[in-house]
Amino acid sequence: MPPAPAVPRTRRTDFHPLDAAGYSSSVNDQRFIGSLTGLRFVAAATVVVGHGAPSLARGALPELIAQVSSIGMTMFFVLSGFVLWLNYAKRFQSQSLRSALREFMIARLARLYPMYVVVVLSIVTFLMIVRGVSAPSLGFILTMTQAWFPVQNGTMLVAVVPPLQHLWSISVELFFYLLFPFVCLLFSGVDKLRTMIWIALANILLFAMTIIAFFTWGERVLQVIAPSLQHGGMQWLTYYSPFLHLSQFVAGCLAAMIYQNRAEAAIGSTERSGVAIMFYSAAAGLACSPVLLFLEPRLPGWSFSIELAVCLLEIVGFSVVFLGTSRYGHGRWLSSRALVIGGECSYSIYILHPFLIRLAMLGKSEDPGALELMLRLGLFVAIATAVAWVTYALIEAPSRSWLRKAFRTRPPREVLHPKSG
């Protein structure tokens, strides 16, 4: 195997917890798994903290804290696949393709587009009027395709409008929406647990091979397809583009398939013990990921090995965690009312938080200590959550409800608690 070039890992801090709406389907109905919505808020808070730390202070501690948001991106994409499969896979497999596509796309766009377009148009209007800045990439941004293509006029497309650069992950999610019907049809005949596990392992292996291929030959490919992109080409290919993230999304779908396969079966003591070991091992591995990323630039000879290890830790870890919380009752605190409420407005938290950091910086000392940094990070999370709850109540929820009524699509919302035995 040819050695992969050591390309420094870009901090994976631009994550949005868009689509983990928390719905699930058991054998005969669809119900709401509160822990998944609680995880949405945890993911959103992780991103807020990761973005806030380097803005509030300098030094090793804020740099280490900034890495915690690295797990958010993979968490989002795996969770998105998990939830979408529980919501819609049976529809694509049992209804006509036209009917299933209609329900799916209306529900997804109602969830995603209203808040998105309000923020995009507001920021672009502000930049054009106050700063006289044009937005040549507005068409890509409004159609949520800015992450699909590498360059525009020599600049990485996702970075043409810097205040909106964090919206790249929503573009990646739309890419997954378009592929999801094909994923459903591809796995429609898989009904044995052993086969699901083997496919999940094959997907992880394919993910590792894709990472190696991208880092080994990516620069040469980019010189052919995007010669005008002088800076940031590998960053686009390995971070902003949807292609490397596809295996993460599929991993979530496969974890949901395993959940559905085991949903009605009794949980034996051996199974419960084994899953508990896997769950806490996965949580420990995920906790180590930010530390490894913090060490990566300090260990240049190990850069690619750390990159690969973290990517695999995240995709495996989150698959196990989502199964553990939804099926086996681990992390019950995630279903608390406060976290579920925070999870409901987590999309607004993600979209709005870059514009709110200055509020957490008011009165900041020149060199804040660890305690002040922690308090200000907590304040930043609180501010972002409060503002997001207002926009959720005024924009997200009403527009989603109106669109669903207009097109006569409405998902059920019954709470499903994990089995206890």
Protein backbone atom coordinates (compact mmCIF):
# COMPACT_ATOMS: atom_id res chain seq x y z
CA MET A 1 0.00 0.00 0.00
CA PRO A 2 1.54 3.38 -0.94
CA PRO A 3 2.06 5.72 2.03
CA ALA A 4 -0.55 8.44 2.30
CA PRO A 5 0.69 12.01 2.47
CA ALA A 6 0.44 13.63 5.86
CA VAL A 7 -2.25 16.24 5.33
CA PRO A 8 -3.12 18.07 8.58
CA ARG A 9 -6.63 17.43 9.72
CA THR A 10 -8.92 20.41 9.55
CA ARG A 11 -10.86 20.76 12.75
CA ARG A 12 -14.21 19.21 12.18
CA THR A 13 -16.14 21.99 13.84
CA ASP A 14 -18.78 22.83 11.24
CA PHE A 15 -21.56 20.46 12.17
CA HIS A 16 -25.26 20.90 12.26
CA PRO A 17 -27.67 18.53 14.00
CA LEU A 18 -30.20 18.95 11.26
CA ASP A 19 -32.16 15.85 10.77
CA ALA A 20 -32.25 13.63 13.84
CA ALA A 21 -35.92 14.33 14.33
CA GLY A 22 -36.17 11.42 16.71
CA TYR A 23 -38.80 9.41 14.92
CA SER A 24 -38.54 5.68 14.73
CA SER A 25 -40.60 2.82 13.49
CA SER A 26 -41.00 -0.50 15.20
CA VAL A 27 -42.73 -3.38 13.48
CA ASN A 28 -46.21 -1.87 13.21
CA ASP A 29 -45.96 1.86 13.92
CA GLN A 30 -43.80 4.95 14.14
CA ARG A 31 -42.87 6.39 17.49
CA PHE A 32 -40.60 8.96 18.99
CA ILE A 33 -37.28 7.99 20.62
CA GLY A 34 -36.55 10.86 22.99
CA SER A 35 -32.91 9.93 23.48
CA LEU A 36 -32.17 10.64 19.82
CA THR A 37 -33.51 14.17 20.14
CA GLY A 38 -31.51 14.58 23.33
CA LEU A 39 -28.44 13.57 21.35
CA ARG A 40 -29.22 16.33 18.88
CA PHE A 41 -28.83 18.91 21.62
CA VAL A 42 -25.63 17.29 22.88
CA ALA A 43 -24.25 17.49 19.35
CA ALA A 44 -25.32 21.11 18.93
CA ALA A 45 -23.84 22.11 22.29
CA THR A 46 -20.61 20.34 21.34
CA VAL A 47 -20.31 22.44 18.21
CA VAL A 48 -21.08 25.66 20.07
CA VAL A 49 -18.42 24.88 22.65
CA GLY A 50 -15.90 23.86 19.99
CA HIS A 51 -16.41 27.05 18.02
CA GLY A 52 -16.50 29.25 21.08
CA ALA A 53 -13.33 28.10 22.83
CA PRO A 54 -10.74 29.51 20.36
CA SER A 55 -12.72 32.75 20.10
CA LEU A 56 -12.77 33.28 23.86
CA ALA A 57 -9.19 32.37 24.76
CA ARG A 58 -5.81 31.30 23.44
CA GLY A 59 -3.54 28.48 24.49
CA ALA A 60 -3.52 24.73 24.86
CA LEU A 61 -6.77 24.42 26.84
CA PRO A 62 -9.06 26.22 24.36
CA GLU A 63 -7.29 24.41 21.52
CA LEU A 64 -8.06 21.08 23.18
CA ILE A 65 -11.67 22.09 23.87
CA ALA A 66 -12.05 23.14 20.24
CA GLN A 67 -11.46 19.55 19.20
CA VAL A 68 -14.59 18.28 21.00
CA SER A 69 -16.67 19.46 18.07
CA SER A 70 -14.76 17.05 15.86
CA ILE A 71 -17.10 14.26 16.90
CA GLY A 72 -20.14 16.34 16.01
CA MET A 73 -19.84 15.98 12.26
CA THR A 74 -19.77 12.21 12.25
CA MET A 75 -22.41 12.15 14.95
CA PHE A 76 -24.72 14.16 12.74
CA PHE A 77 -24.27 12.12 9.58
CA VAL A 78 -24.57 8.74 11.32
CA LEU A 79 -27.58 9.91 13.32
CA SER A 80 -29.19 11.29 10.18
CA GLY A 81 -28.93 7.91 8.46
CA PHE A 82 -30.25 6.17 11.57
CA VAL A 83 -33.33 8.36 11.86
CA LEU A 84 -34.13 8.56 8.16
CA TRP A 85 -34.06 4.78 7.89
CA LEU A 86 -36.44 4.38 10.83
CA ASN A 87 -38.77 6.98 9.39
CA TYR A 88 -38.88 6.24 5.71
CA ALA A 89 -37.26 2.95 4.69
CA LYS A 90 -40.45 0.92 4.97
CA ARG A 91 -42.29 3.52 2.91
CA PHE A 92 -39.83 3.21 0.04
CA GLN A 93 -40.03 -0.57 0.27
CA SER A 94 -43.84 -0.85 0.53
CA GLN A 95 -45.33 2.19 -1.25
CA SER A 96 -44.99 3.31 -4.83
CA LEU A 97 -41.78 5.17 -5.47
CA ARG A 98 -43.65 8.32 -6.43
CA SER A 99 -45.73 8.36 -3.25
CA ALA A 100 -42.78 7.63 -0.98
CA LEU A 101 -40.61 10.25 -2.66
CA ARG A 102 -43.33 12.87 -2.31
CA GLU A 103 -43.78 12.26 1.41
CA PHE A 104 -40.06 12.09 2.01
CA MET A 105 -39.03 15.26 0.18
CA ILE A 106 -41.89 17.38 1.49
CA ALA A 107 -41.14 16.37 5.07
CA ARG A 108 -37.40 16.95 4.68
CA LEU A 109 -37.70 20.32 2.96
CA ALA A 110 -40.31 21.46 5.48
CA ARG A 111 -37.84 20.57 8.20
CA LEU A 112 -34.83 22.16 6.55
CA TYR A 113 -35.54 24.97 4.12
CA PRO A 114 -37.59 27.74 5.83
CA MET A 115 -35.05 28.58 8.54
CA TYR A 116 -32.20 28.07 6.09
CA VAL A 117 -33.50 30.50 3.48
CA VAL A 118 -34.33 33.15 6.11
CA VAL A 119 -30.76 33.11 7.41
CA VAL A 120 -29.15 33.00 3.94
CA LEU A 121 -31.17 35.91 2.56
CA SER A 122 -30.72 37.96 5.73
CA ILE A 123 -26.94 37.58 5.76
CA VAL A 124 -26.53 38.09 2.02
CA THR A 125 -28.74 41.22 2.11
CA PHE A 126 -26.69 42.61 5.01
CA LEU A 127 -23.41 41.99 3.20
CA MET A 128 -24.65 43.56 -0.04
CA ILE A 129 -26.16 46.67 1.57
CA VAL A 130 -23.78 47.40 4.44
CA ARG A 131 -20.50 46.10 3.06
CA GLY A 132 -21.14 46.21 -0.66
CA VAL A 133 -20.11 42.59 -1.04
CA SER A 134 -21.55 40.55 -3.91
CA ALA A 135 -22.61 36.93 -3.54
CA PRO A 136 -21.77 35.18 -6.82
CA SER A 137 -22.40 31.78 -5.24
CA LEU A 138 -25.91 32.65 -4.04
CA GLY A 139 -27.51 30.24 -6.51
CA PHE A 140 -25.47 27.33 -5.16
CA ILE A 141 -26.18 28.31 -1.56
CA LEU A 142 -29.93 28.72 -2.04
CA THR A 143 -30.15 25.36 -3.79
CA MET A 144 -27.95 23.79 -1.06
CA THR A 145 -25.42 22.47 -3.56
CA GLN A 146 -22.39 24.53 -2.52
CA ALA A 147 -20.54 21.54 -1.06
CA TRP A 148 -20.99 19.38 -4.14
CA PHE A 149 -18.55 21.34 -6.30
CA PRO A 150 -15.00 22.38 -5.40
CA VAL A 151 -14.40 25.85 -6.83
CA GLN A 152 -15.82 29.08 -8.19
CA ASN A 153 -13.50 31.70 -9.70
CA GLY A 154 -10.48 30.15 -8.02
CA THR A 155 -12.04 30.11 -4.53
CA MET A 156 -13.40 27.11 -2.72
CA LEU A 157 -17.15 27.36 -3.32
CA VAL A 158 -18.23 26.80 0.28
CA ALA A 159 -16.00 29.72 1.36
CA VAL A 160 -17.12 32.33 -1.18
CA VAL A 161 -19.48 33.84 1.44
CA PRO A 162 -17.51 33.30 4.69
CA PRO A 163 -20.35 33.99 7.17
CA LEU A 164 -22.33 31.18 5.53
CA GLN A 165 -19.50 28.68 5.23
CA HIS A 166 -20.87 26.55 8.08
CA LEU A 167 -23.94 25.75 5.96
CA TRP A 168 -21.87 23.33 3.88
CA SER A 169 -23.07 20.43 6.04
CA ILE A 170 -26.67 21.11 5.08
CA SER A 171 -25.60 20.83 1.45
CA VAL A 172 -24.05 17.45 2.27
CA GLU A 173 -27.30 16.37 3.91
CA LEU A 174 -29.30 17.25 0.81
CA PHE A 175 -26.90 15.05 -1.17
CA PHE A 176 -27.80 12.18 1.17
CA TYR A 177 -31.52 12.89 0.74
CA LEU A 178 -31.17 12.31 -2.98
CA LEU A 179 -29.29 9.04 -2.46
CA PHE A 180 -31.49 7.72 0.34
CA PRO A 181 -34.17 6.13 -1.89
CA PHE A 182 -31.46 4.12 -3.65
CA VAL A 183 -30.04 3.01 -0.29
CA CYS A 184 -33.51 1.83 0.74
CA LEU A 185 -33.96 -0.17 -2.44
CA LEU A 186 -30.43 -1.59 -2.23
CA PHE A 187 -31.02 -3.02 1.26
CA SER A 188 -34.70 -3.89 0.79
CA GLY A 189 -34.11 -7.64 0.68
CA VAL A 190 -31.76 -7.81 3.68
CA ASP A 191 -33.60 -9.32 6.66
CA LYS A 192 -31.06 -11.48 8.51
CA LEU A 193 -29.11 -9.98 11.40
CA ARG A 194 -25.87 -11.70 10.42
CA THR A 195 -26.07 -10.28 6.90
CA MET A 196 -26.68 -6.78 8.28
CA ILE A 197 -23.62 -7.04 10.50
CA TRP A 198 -21.44 -8.25 7.61
CA ILE A 199 -22.65 -5.38 5.42
CA ALA A 200 -21.92 -2.91 8.23
CA LEU A 201 -18.37 -4.28 8.54
CA ALA A 202 -17.90 -4.07 4.77
CA ASN A 203 -19.07 -0.46 4.84
CA ILE A 204 -16.49 0.39 7.50
CA LEU A 205 -13.77 -1.30 5.44
CA LEU A 206 -14.87 0.62 2.35
CA PHE A 207 -14.77 3.84 4.40
CA ALA A 208 -11.16 3.14 5.43
CA MET A 209 -10.16 2.36 1.84
CA THR A 210 -11.82 5.57 0.62
CA ILE A 211 -9.92 7.65 3.17
CA ILE A 212 -6.63 6.08 2.09
CA ALA A 213 -7.46 6.65 -1.59
CA PHE A 214 -8.47 10.29 -1.06
CA PHE A 215 -5.34 11.15 0.89
CA THR A 216 -3.07 9.22 -1.48
CA TRP A 217 -4.33 10.31 -4.89
CA GLY A 218 -6.63 13.22 -4.06
CA GLU A 219 -4.25 16.02 -4.98
CA ARG A 220 -3.57 14.54 -8.41
CA VAL A 221 -7.27 14.14 -9.12
CA LEU A 222 -7.98 17.72 -8.04
CA GLN A 223 -5.31 19.04 -10.39
CA VAL A 224 -7.35 17.53 -13.22
CA ILE A 225 -10.91 18.38 -12.18
CA ALA A 226 -10.28 21.73 -10.43
CA PRO A 227 -6.94 23.19 -11.59
CA SER A 228 -7.99 26.74 -10.61
CA LEU A 229 -8.32 25.76 -6.95
CA GLN A 230 -4.86 26.61 -5.65
CA HIS A 231 -5.65 26.45 -1.94
CA GLY A 232 -8.00 24.23 0.02
CA GLY A 233 -8.48 21.49 -2.55
CA MET A 234 -7.72 18.64 -0.18
CA GLN A 235 -9.77 20.36 2.51
CA TRP A 236 -12.77 20.31 0.17
CA LEU A 237 -12.23 16.72 -0.93
CA THR A 238 -11.69 15.23 2.54
CA TYR A 239 -13.93 17.51 4.60
CA TYR A 240 -16.49 19.69 2.83
CA SER A 241 -17.54 17.44 -0.02
CA PRO A 242 -20.26 14.82 0.61
CA PHE A 243 -18.32 11.92 -0.90
CA LEU A 244 -16.18 10.88 2.05
CA HIS A 245 -19.14 11.21 4.43
CA LEU A 246 -21.35 8.79 2.51
CA SER A 247 -20.16 5.74 4.48
CA GLN A 248 -21.01 7.55 7.73
CA PHE A 249 -24.57 8.08 6.57
CA VAL A 250 -24.88 4.47 5.40
CA ALA A 251 -23.52 3.30 8.77
CA GLY A 252 -26.48 5.02 10.43
CA CYS A 253 -28.90 3.30 8.06
CA LEU A 254 -27.37 -0.09 8.83
CA ALA A 255 -27.46 0.54 12.58
CA ALA A 256 -31.17 1.34 12.23
CA MET A 257 -31.69 -1.90 10.30
CA ILE A 258 -30.12 -3.83 13.17
CA TYR A 259 -32.30 -1.93 15.65
CA GLN A 260 -35.45 -2.83 13.72
CA ASN A 261 -34.37 -6.45 13.43
CA ARG A 262 -34.02 -6.74 17.21
CA ALA A 263 -36.78 -4.32 18.26
CA GLU A 264 -39.37 -6.92 19.25
CA ALA A 265 -37.01 -9.58 20.60
CA ALA A 266 -36.50 -10.14 24.31
CA ILE A 267 -33.15 -8.96 25.64
CA GLY A 268 -31.19 -11.72 27.35
CA SER A 269 -28.66 -11.14 30.11
CA THR A 270 -25.72 -12.12 27.89
CA GLU A 271 -26.86 -9.74 25.15
CA ARG A 272 -27.39 -6.93 27.65
CA SER A 273 -23.95 -7.39 29.20
CA GLY A 274 -22.23 -7.59 25.84
CA VAL A 275 -23.94 -4.45 24.56
CA ALA A 276 -23.11 -2.59 27.79
CA ILE A 277 -19.42 -3.36 27.30
CA MET A 278 -19.60 -2.23 23.68
CA PHE A 279 -21.55 0.92 24.58
CA TYR A 280 -19.15 2.17 27.23
CA SER A 281 -16.14 1.18 25.15
CA ALA A 282 -17.57 3.20 22.25
CA ALA A 283 -18.21 6.17 24.54
CA ALA A 284 -14.63 5.99 25.82
CA GLY A 285 -13.28 5.83 22.27
CA LEU A 286 -15.33 8.86 21.25
CA ALA A 287 -14.05 10.74 24.30
CA CYS A 288 -10.48 10.01 23.18
CA SER A 289 -11.04 11.36 19.66
CA PRO A 290 -10.62 15.07 20.52
CA VAL A 291 -7.43 14.27 22.45
CA LEU A 292 -6.01 12.43 19.46
CA LEU A 293 -6.86 15.37 17.18
CA PHE A 294 -5.21 17.74 19.63
CA LEU A 295 -2.04 15.63 19.45
CA GLU A 296 -2.13 15.20 15.66
CA PRO A 297 -0.26 18.39 14.64
CA ARG A 298 2.28 17.69 17.39
CA LEU A 299 2.99 14.24 15.95
CA PRO A 300 3.40 14.90 12.20
CA GLY A 301 4.77 11.45 11.54
CA TRP A 302 1.55 9.94 12.85
CA SER A 303 -0.81 12.44 11.22
CA PHE A 304 -2.50 10.12 8.75
CA SER A 305 -2.66 7.20 11.21
CA ILE A 306 -4.41 9.43 13.76
CA GLU A 307 -6.77 10.72 11.07
CA LEU A 308 -7.73 7.22 10.03
CA ALA A 309 -8.07 5.99 13.62
CA VAL A 310 -10.34 8.88 14.61
CA CYS A 311 -12.57 8.44 11.54
CA LEU A 312 -13.03 4.74 12.31
CA LEU A 313 -13.54 5.38 16.04
CA GLU A 314 -16.30 7.83 15.23
CA ILE A 315 -18.22 5.77 12.68
CA VAL A 316 -18.12 2.61 14.82
CA GLY A 317 -18.62 4.43 18.11
CA PHE A 318 -21.73 6.31 17.08
CA SER A 319 -23.31 3.26 15.47
CA VAL A 320 -22.94 1.44 18.80
CA VAL A 321 -24.07 4.44 20.88
CA PHE A 322 -27.27 4.93 18.87
CA LEU A 323 -28.14 1.26 19.18
CA GLY A 324 -27.39 1.34 22.89
CA THR A 325 -29.57 4.35 23.59
CA SER A 326 -32.53 3.41 21.39
CA ARG A 327 -32.72 -0.32 22.02
CA TYR A 328 -31.01 -1.08 25.34
CA GLY A 329 -31.83 1.94 27.49
CA HIS A 330 -28.35 3.38 27.96
CA GLY A 331 -28.16 7.14 28.42
CA ARG A 332 -31.73 7.52 29.67
CA TRP A 333 -30.90 11.06 30.78
CA LEU A 334 -30.90 11.99 27.10
CA SER A 335 -34.69 11.64 27.15
CA SER A 336 -35.13 14.34 29.80
CA ARG A 337 -37.55 17.11 28.94
CA ALA A 338 -34.85 19.79 28.93
CA LEU A 339 -32.65 17.92 26.45
CA VAL A 340 -35.57 17.00 24.21
CA ILE A 341 -36.60 20.67 24.08
CA GLY A 342 -33.00 21.63 23.31
CA GLY A 343 -32.87 18.97 20.63
CA GLU A 344 -35.99 20.28 18.95
CA CYS A 345 -34.36 23.68 18.35
CA SER A 346 -30.87 22.31 17.65
CA TYR A 347 -31.10 23.10 13.95
CA SER A 348 -31.54 26.78 14.76
CA ILE A 349 -28.71 26.51 17.30
CA TYR A 350 -26.38 25.36 14.57
CA ILE A 351 -27.44 27.90 11.96
CA LEU A 352 -27.37 30.90 14.32
CA HIS A 353 -24.51 30.27 16.74
CA PRO A 354 -21.68 31.80 14.64
CA PHE A 355 -23.51 35.13 14.77
CA LEU A 356 -23.95 35.09 18.58
CA ILE A 357 -20.39 34.55 19.82
CA ARG A 358 -19.83 38.27 20.44
CA LEU A 359 -22.51 38.25 23.12
CA ALA A 360 -20.48 35.73 25.12
CA MET A 361 -17.37 37.90 24.70
CA LEU A 362 -18.79 41.03 26.37
CA GLY A 363 -16.58 42.08 29.27
CA LYS A 364 -14.06 39.34 28.55
CA SER A 365 -10.65 39.74 30.15
CA GLU A 366 -7.54 39.80 27.96
CA ASP A 367 -6.33 36.41 29.15
CA PRO A 368 -9.28 34.52 30.69
CA GLY A 369 -8.45 31.67 33.03
CA ALA A 370 -9.89 28.18 32.85
CA LEU A 371 -12.86 28.98 35.10
CA GLU A 372 -13.83 32.08 33.15
CA LEU A 373 -13.48 30.19 29.89
CA MET A 374 -15.81 27.44 31.09
CA LEU A 375 -18.37 29.93 32.38
CA ARG A 376 -18.35 31.87 29.11
CA LEU A 377 -18.71 28.69 27.09
CA GLY A 378 -21.72 27.79 29.21
CA LEU A 379 -23.09 31.29 28.60
CA PHE A 380 -22.56 30.89 24.87
CA VAL A 381 -24.51 27.63 24.83
CA ALA A 382 -27.30 29.25 26.87
CA ILE A 383 -27.50 32.29 24.57
CA ALA A 384 -27.52 30.18 21.42
CA THR A 385 -30.20 27.88 22.85
CA ALA A 386 -32.43 30.75 23.99
CA VAL A 387 -32.27 32.55 20.65
CA ALA A 388 -32.76 29.28 18.79
CA TRP A 389 -35.86 28.46 20.82
CA VAL A 390 -37.38 31.80 19.77
CA THR A 391 -36.63 31.22 16.09
CA TYR A 392 -37.86 27.64 16.39
CA ALA A 393 -41.18 28.89 17.79
CA LEU A 394 -41.54 31.76 15.32
CA ILE A 395 -40.10 30.29 12.11
CA GLU A 396 -39.23 26.59 12.17
CA ALA A 397 -42.31 25.08 13.79
CA PRO A 398 -44.99 27.27 12.11
CA SER A 399 -43.50 26.96 8.62
CA ARG A 400 -43.04 23.22 8.98
CA SER A 401 -46.59 22.81 10.21
CA TRP A 402 -47.97 24.96 7.39
CA LEU A 403 -46.08 23.06 4.70
CA ARG A 404 -47.09 19.68 6.06
CA LYS A 405 -50.74 20.72 6.19
CA ALA A 406 -50.57 22.24 2.73
CA PHE A 407 -49.22 19.01 1.28
CA ARG A 408 -51.11 16.75 3.71
CA THR A 409 -48.10 15.09 5.29
CA ARG A 410 -47.80 14.87 9.08
CA PRO A 411 -45.58 12.48 11.07
CA PRO A 412 -46.77 10.96 14.34
CA ARG A 413 -45.07 11.86 17.63
CA GLU A 414 -45.54 9.06 20.15
CA VAL A 415 -42.76 8.60 22.70
CA LEU A 416 -40.91 5.28 22.64
CA HIS A 417 -38.93 4.37 25.74
CA PRO A 418 -36.05 1.88 25.48
CA LYS A 419 -36.77 -1.62 26.67
CA SER A 420 -35.66 -2.45 30.18
CA GLY A 421 -35.58 -6.19 29.92
